[in-house]
Amino acid sequence: FGVLFFWQIPHFMAIAWLYRRQYAAAGSKMLTVVDPSGLRAAGQSLAASLAMVPASLVLAVPSGSIRLFLAAAVAAVVYVLATIRFAVRRDDASARMLLLTSLGSLLGLLTAAVVFGSRA
């Protein structure tokens, strides 16, 4: 639960950044519309991605799998790095990269949990 909870925030903020003009035109009160600088969206994204690191690592505890632990660590760190890039740049290219990285890191993490997480 924790992984998906923390994962969704940077993922959603990247989408909100990419479509902020459309949200503004529609009158939606998105964080990226209310704060056009993107600082608040970047801050929330960074906090959530950092919180995702321990949440991801907890997945490996029940199985005791070092491979799952390493996969979770790599996926979480890659996600944090993409979020840092978005937080620093706050542009469409970094938001798009964060969006794609969010999908790849979640896919990698959940695949590793299925492959390495079960005990025989």
N, C-alpha and C. Protein backbone atom coordinates (compact mmCIF):
# COMPACT_ATOMS: atom_id res chain seq x y z
N PHE A 1 0.82 -1.19 0.00
CA PHE A 1 0.00 0.00 0.00
C PHE A 1 0.87 1.26 0.00
N GLY A 2 1.88 1.28 0.85
CA GLY A 2 2.74 2.46 0.97
C GLY A 2 3.43 2.83 -0.33
N VAL A 3 3.90 1.81 -1.05
CA VAL A 3 4.59 2.06 -2.32
C VAL A 3 3.66 2.79 -3.29
N LEU A 4 2.46 2.27 -3.47
CA LEU A 4 1.53 2.90 -4.42
C LEU A 4 1.07 4.27 -3.94
N PHE A 5 0.92 4.42 -2.63
CA PHE A 5 0.53 5.72 -2.10
C PHE A 5 1.57 6.78 -2.43
N PHE A 6 2.83 6.50 -2.11
CA PHE A 6 3.88 7.49 -2.36
C PHE A 6 4.22 7.61 -3.84
N TRP A 7 4.09 6.53 -4.59
CA TRP A 7 4.40 6.55 -6.02
C TRP A 7 3.47 7.49 -6.78
N GLN A 8 2.20 7.52 -6.41
CA GLN A 8 1.22 8.26 -7.20
C GLN A 8 1.41 9.77 -7.15
N ILE A 9 2.01 10.30 -6.11
CA ILE A 9 2.10 11.76 -5.96
C ILE A 9 3.03 12.37 -7.01
N PRO A 10 4.29 11.94 -7.14
CA PRO A 10 5.11 12.51 -8.22
C PRO A 10 4.55 12.21 -9.60
N HIS A 11 3.99 11.02 -9.77
CA HIS A 11 3.38 10.63 -11.04
C HIS A 11 2.26 11.62 -11.40
N PHE A 12 1.39 11.88 -10.45
CA PHE A 12 0.28 12.79 -10.68
C PHE A 12 0.76 14.22 -10.90
N MET A 13 1.75 14.66 -10.13
CA MET A 13 2.26 16.03 -10.28
C MET A 13 2.90 16.23 -11.65
N ALA A 14 3.54 15.20 -12.17
CA ALA A 14 4.11 15.30 -13.52
C ALA A 14 3.00 15.49 -14.55
N ILE A 15 1.92 14.74 -14.40
CA ILE A 15 0.78 14.90 -15.31
C ILE A 15 0.16 16.29 -15.14
N ALA A 16 0.01 16.72 -13.90
CA ALA A 16 -0.57 18.04 -13.63
C ALA A 16 0.29 19.15 -14.22
N TRP A 17 1.61 18.98 -14.20
CA TRP A 17 2.51 19.98 -14.79
C TRP A 17 2.35 19.99 -16.31
N LEU A 18 2.35 18.83 -16.91
CA LEU A 18 2.27 18.75 -18.37
C LEU A 18 0.96 19.33 -18.91
N TYR A 19 -0.11 19.20 -18.15
CA TYR A 19 -1.43 19.65 -18.61
C TYR A 19 -1.95 20.84 -17.80
N ARG A 20 -1.06 21.61 -17.20
CA ARG A 20 -1.47 22.72 -16.34
C ARG A 20 -2.28 23.77 -17.09
N ARG A 21 -1.96 24.04 -18.35
CA ARG A 21 -2.72 25.03 -19.13
C ARG A 21 -4.15 24.54 -19.36
N GLN A 22 -4.29 23.27 -19.67
CA GLN A 22 -5.62 22.71 -19.89
C GLN A 22 -6.44 22.71 -18.59
N TYR A 23 -5.77 22.37 -17.47
CA TYR A 23 -6.47 22.41 -16.18
C TYR A 23 -6.91 23.84 -15.85
N ALA A 24 -6.03 24.82 -16.12
CA ALA A 24 -6.37 26.22 -15.86
C ALA A 24 -7.55 26.66 -16.73
N ALA A 25 -7.52 26.29 -18.00
CA ALA A 25 -8.61 26.66 -18.92
C ALA A 25 -9.94 26.03 -18.49
N ALA A 26 -9.87 24.85 -17.89
CA ALA A 26 -11.09 24.17 -17.43
C ALA A 26 -11.54 24.65 -16.05
N GLY A 27 -10.71 25.47 -15.41
CA GLY A 27 -11.06 25.98 -14.08
C GLY A 27 -10.74 25.02 -12.95
N SER A 28 -9.95 24.00 -13.21
CA SER A 28 -9.58 23.03 -12.17
C SER A 28 -8.52 23.63 -11.26
N LYS A 29 -8.68 23.47 -9.98
CA LYS A 29 -7.75 24.03 -8.99
C LYS A 29 -6.63 23.04 -8.68
N MET A 30 -5.82 22.77 -9.66
CA MET A 30 -4.68 21.87 -9.47
C MET A 30 -3.54 22.66 -8.82
N LEU A 31 -2.65 21.98 -8.13
CA LEU A 31 -1.53 22.64 -7.48
C LEU A 31 -0.65 23.36 -8.50
N THR A 32 -0.50 22.79 -9.68
CA THR A 32 0.32 23.42 -10.71
C THR A 32 -0.37 24.63 -11.35
N VAL A 33 -1.66 24.77 -11.14
CA VAL A 33 -2.39 25.95 -11.62
C VAL A 33 -2.33 27.04 -10.55
N VAL A 34 -2.54 26.66 -9.30
CA VAL A 34 -2.52 27.61 -8.19
C VAL A 34 -1.12 28.18 -7.98
N ASP A 35 -0.09 27.35 -8.16
CA ASP A 35 1.31 27.77 -8.01
C ASP A 35 2.02 27.54 -9.34
N PRO A 36 1.96 28.50 -10.27
CA PRO A 36 2.55 28.29 -11.60
C PRO A 36 4.07 28.12 -11.60
N SER A 37 4.74 28.49 -10.50
CA SER A 37 6.19 28.29 -10.44
C SER A 37 6.55 26.81 -10.34
N GLY A 38 5.62 26.01 -9.83
CA GLY A 38 5.86 24.59 -9.68
C GLY A 38 6.62 24.20 -8.43
N LEU A 39 6.96 25.17 -7.60
CA LEU A 39 7.74 24.87 -6.39
C LEU A 39 6.98 23.96 -5.43
N ARG A 40 5.72 24.20 -5.24
CA ARG A 40 4.94 23.37 -4.31
C ARG A 40 4.75 21.96 -4.85
N ALA A 41 4.47 21.86 -6.14
CA ALA A 41 4.33 20.53 -6.76
C ALA A 41 5.65 19.78 -6.69
N ALA A 42 6.74 20.48 -6.94
CA ALA A 42 8.06 19.85 -6.88
C ALA A 42 8.38 19.40 -5.46
N GLY A 43 8.06 20.23 -4.48
CA GLY A 43 8.33 19.87 -3.09
C GLY A 43 7.53 18.65 -2.64
N GLN A 44 6.26 18.61 -2.99
CA GLN A 44 5.44 17.46 -2.62
C GLN A 44 5.91 16.20 -3.35
N SER A 45 6.30 16.37 -4.61
CA SER A 45 6.81 15.22 -5.38
C SER A 45 8.09 14.68 -4.76
N LEU A 46 8.98 15.57 -4.39
CA LEU A 46 10.24 15.14 -3.81
C LEU A 46 10.03 14.46 -2.46
N ALA A 47 9.18 15.02 -1.63
CA ALA A 47 8.90 14.40 -0.33
C ALA A 47 8.32 13.00 -0.50
N ALA A 48 7.39 12.85 -1.43
CA ALA A 48 6.77 11.54 -1.66
C ALA A 48 7.75 10.54 -2.24
N SER A 49 8.60 10.98 -3.17
CA SER A 49 9.55 10.03 -3.76
C SER A 49 10.59 9.60 -2.73
N LEU A 50 10.98 10.51 -1.84
CA LEU A 50 11.91 10.12 -0.77
C LEU A 50 11.25 9.15 0.20
N ALA A 51 9.98 9.35 0.48
CA ALA A 51 9.25 8.42 1.35
C ALA A 51 9.06 7.06 0.70
N MET A 52 9.09 7.05 -0.63
CA MET A 52 8.92 5.78 -1.34
C MET A 52 10.14 4.86 -1.16
N VAL A 53 11.30 5.42 -0.86
CA VAL A 53 12.50 4.59 -0.70
C VAL A 53 12.31 3.57 0.42
N PRO A 54 12.04 3.99 1.67
CA PRO A 54 11.85 2.96 2.70
C PRO A 54 10.62 2.09 2.46
N ALA A 55 9.56 2.67 1.89
CA ALA A 55 8.37 1.87 1.60
C ALA A 55 8.69 0.76 0.60
N SER A 56 9.54 1.05 -0.37
CA SER A 56 9.93 0.04 -1.36
C SER A 56 10.81 -1.04 -0.73
N LEU A 57 11.72 -0.62 0.12
CA LEU A 57 12.63 -1.58 0.74
C LEU A 57 11.91 -2.54 1.68
N VAL A 58 10.82 -2.08 2.28
CA VAL A 58 10.04 -2.93 3.19
C VAL A 58 9.47 -4.14 2.44
N LEU A 59 9.25 -4.00 1.14
CA LEU A 59 8.73 -5.13 0.35
C LEU A 59 9.63 -6.36 0.43
N ALA A 60 10.93 -6.14 0.58
CA ALA A 60 11.88 -7.26 0.58
C ALA A 60 11.96 -7.97 1.93
N VAL A 61 11.47 -7.36 2.98
CA VAL A 61 11.64 -7.92 4.32
C VAL A 61 10.97 -9.29 4.48
N PRO A 62 9.70 -9.45 4.13
CA PRO A 62 9.06 -10.76 4.35
C PRO A 62 9.73 -11.90 3.59
N SER A 63 10.22 -11.63 2.39
CA SER A 63 10.82 -12.71 1.59
C SER A 63 12.28 -12.93 1.96
N GLY A 64 12.93 -11.92 2.50
CA GLY A 64 14.35 -12.03 2.79
C GLY A 64 15.21 -12.07 1.54
N SER A 65 14.68 -11.62 0.43
CA SER A 65 15.38 -11.68 -0.85
C SER A 65 16.28 -10.47 -1.05
N ILE A 66 17.57 -10.72 -1.17
CA ILE A 66 18.51 -9.63 -1.44
C ILE A 66 18.30 -9.08 -2.84
N ARG A 67 17.89 -9.94 -3.78
CA ARG A 67 17.64 -9.46 -5.15
C ARG A 67 16.44 -8.51 -5.18
N LEU A 68 15.42 -8.82 -4.43
CA LEU A 68 14.28 -7.91 -4.35
C LEU A 68 14.68 -6.61 -3.67
N PHE A 69 15.48 -6.71 -2.61
CA PHE A 69 15.95 -5.53 -1.91
C PHE A 69 16.73 -4.62 -2.86
N LEU A 70 17.64 -5.21 -3.65
CA LEU A 70 18.43 -4.42 -4.60
C LEU A 70 17.56 -3.82 -5.70
N ALA A 71 16.63 -4.60 -6.22
CA ALA A 71 15.73 -4.08 -7.27
C ALA A 71 14.89 -2.93 -6.73
N ALA A 72 14.40 -3.08 -5.50
CA ALA A 72 13.60 -2.03 -4.89
C ALA A 72 14.44 -0.77 -4.67
N ALA A 73 15.67 -0.96 -4.23
CA ALA A 73 16.56 0.18 -4.01
C ALA A 73 16.85 0.91 -5.31
N VAL A 74 17.16 0.17 -6.36
CA VAL A 74 17.45 0.79 -7.65
C VAL A 74 16.22 1.52 -8.18
N ALA A 75 15.06 0.88 -8.15
CA ALA A 75 13.83 1.51 -8.65
C ALA A 75 13.52 2.80 -7.88
N ALA A 76 13.66 2.75 -6.58
CA ALA A 76 13.35 3.92 -5.76
C ALA A 76 14.34 5.05 -5.99
N VAL A 77 15.62 4.73 -6.09
CA VAL A 77 16.64 5.76 -6.31
C VAL A 77 16.48 6.41 -7.69
N VAL A 78 16.21 5.61 -8.70
CA VAL A 78 15.98 6.16 -10.04
C VAL A 78 14.78 7.11 -10.01
N TYR A 79 13.75 6.73 -9.30
CA TYR A 79 12.55 7.57 -9.18
C TYR A 79 12.88 8.88 -8.45
N VAL A 80 13.66 8.80 -7.39
CA VAL A 80 14.06 10.00 -6.66
C VAL A 80 14.89 10.91 -7.56
N LEU A 81 15.81 10.35 -8.33
CA LEU A 81 16.64 11.17 -9.22
C LEU A 81 15.80 11.89 -10.27
N ALA A 82 14.83 11.20 -10.84
CA ALA A 82 13.94 11.85 -11.82
C ALA A 82 13.12 12.95 -11.15
N THR A 83 12.73 12.72 -9.91
CA THR A 83 11.96 13.73 -9.18
C THR A 83 12.83 14.93 -8.85
N ILE A 84 14.08 14.70 -8.49
CA ILE A 84 15.01 15.81 -8.23
C ILE A 84 15.18 16.65 -9.50
N ARG A 85 15.32 15.98 -10.62
CA ARG A 85 15.47 16.70 -11.90
C ARG A 85 14.24 17.58 -12.15
N PHE A 86 13.06 17.03 -11.92
CA PHE A 86 11.84 17.82 -12.10
C PHE A 86 11.80 18.98 -11.10
N ALA A 87 12.19 18.73 -9.86
CA ALA A 87 12.16 19.78 -8.83
C ALA A 87 13.11 20.92 -9.17
N VAL A 88 14.24 20.60 -9.76
CA VAL A 88 15.22 21.64 -10.11
C VAL A 88 14.80 22.40 -11.37
N ARG A 89 14.40 21.67 -12.39
CA ARG A 89 14.11 22.30 -13.69
C ARG A 89 12.69 22.82 -13.82
N ARG A 90 11.74 22.05 -13.34
CA ARG A 90 10.33 22.40 -13.46
C ARG A 90 9.96 22.83 -14.89
N ASP A 91 10.23 21.93 -15.82
CA ASP A 91 9.87 22.16 -17.22
C ASP A 91 9.17 20.93 -17.77
N ASP A 92 8.65 21.06 -18.98
CA ASP A 92 7.89 19.96 -19.57
C ASP A 92 8.74 18.72 -19.80
N ALA A 93 9.99 18.92 -20.22
CA ALA A 93 10.86 17.76 -20.50
C ALA A 93 11.12 16.96 -19.23
N SER A 94 11.41 17.63 -18.12
CA SER A 94 11.68 16.91 -16.88
C SER A 94 10.39 16.29 -16.32
N ALA A 95 9.26 16.94 -16.52
CA ALA A 95 7.98 16.35 -16.09
C ALA A 95 7.66 15.10 -16.90
N ARG A 96 7.91 15.16 -18.20
CA ARG A 96 7.66 13.98 -19.04
C ARG A 96 8.60 12.84 -18.65
N MET A 97 9.86 13.17 -18.37
CA MET A 97 10.81 12.14 -17.94
C MET A 97 10.39 11.55 -16.60
N LEU A 98 9.90 12.38 -15.69
CA LEU A 98 9.40 11.87 -14.40
C LEU A 98 8.21 10.95 -14.62
N LEU A 99 7.32 11.33 -15.50
CA LEU A 99 6.15 10.49 -15.79
C LEU A 99 6.58 9.13 -16.33
N LEU A 100 7.48 9.12 -17.28
CA LEU A 100 7.95 7.85 -17.85
C LEU A 100 8.74 7.04 -16.83
N THR A 101 9.56 7.72 -16.04
CA THR A 101 10.34 7.04 -15.00
C THR A 101 9.41 6.45 -13.94
N SER A 102 8.34 7.15 -13.62
CA SER A 102 7.41 6.62 -12.63
C SER A 102 6.80 5.31 -13.10
N LEU A 103 6.45 5.25 -14.37
CA LEU A 103 5.87 4.01 -14.90
C LEU A 103 6.90 2.88 -14.92
N GLY A 104 8.12 3.20 -15.36
CA GLY A 104 9.17 2.18 -15.42
C GLY A 104 9.59 1.68 -14.06
N SER A 105 9.72 2.59 -13.10
CA SER A 105 10.16 2.17 -11.77
C SER A 105 9.10 1.33 -11.08
N LEU A 106 7.84 1.70 -11.24
CA LEU A 106 6.77 0.89 -10.63
C LEU A 106 6.71 -0.49 -11.29
N LEU A 107 6.80 -0.52 -12.60
CA LEU A 107 6.79 -1.80 -13.31
C LEU A 107 7.96 -2.67 -12.85
N GLY A 108 9.15 -2.09 -12.77
CA GLY A 108 10.32 -2.84 -12.32
C GLY A 108 10.19 -3.34 -10.90
N LEU A 109 9.69 -2.48 -10.02
CA LEU A 109 9.54 -2.86 -8.62
C LEU A 109 8.51 -3.98 -8.45
N LEU A 110 7.37 -3.85 -9.09
CA LEU A 110 6.33 -4.87 -8.94
C LEU A 110 6.72 -6.18 -9.62
N THR A 111 7.42 -6.08 -10.74
CA THR A 111 7.92 -7.30 -11.40
C THR A 111 8.92 -8.01 -10.51
N ALA A 112 9.84 -7.25 -9.92
CA ALA A 112 10.82 -7.84 -9.01
C ALA A 112 10.14 -8.47 -7.80
N ALA A 113 9.08 -7.84 -7.30
CA ALA A 113 8.36 -8.41 -6.15
C ALA A 113 7.72 -9.74 -6.51
N VAL A 114 7.22 -9.86 -7.74
CA VAL A 114 6.62 -11.13 -8.17
C VAL A 114 7.69 -12.18 -8.39
N VAL A 115 8.78 -11.80 -9.06
CA VAL A 115 9.82 -12.77 -9.43
C VAL A 115 10.66 -13.19 -8.23
N PHE A 116 11.08 -12.23 -7.42
CA PHE A 116 12.01 -12.53 -6.33
C PHE A 116 11.35 -12.59 -4.95
N GLY A 117 10.11 -12.18 -4.85
CA GLY A 117 9.49 -12.04 -3.53
C GLY A 117 8.95 -13.29 -2.90
N SER A 118 8.68 -14.30 -3.67
CA SER A 118 8.06 -15.49 -3.07
C SER A 118 9.11 -16.47 -2.57
N ARG A 119 8.77 -17.13 -1.50
CA ARG A 119 9.66 -18.17 -0.96
C ARG A 119 9.17 -19.51 -1.45
N ALA A 120 10.11 -20.33 -1.87
CA ALA A 120 9.74 -21.67 -2.37
C ALA A 120 9.64 -22.65 -1.23
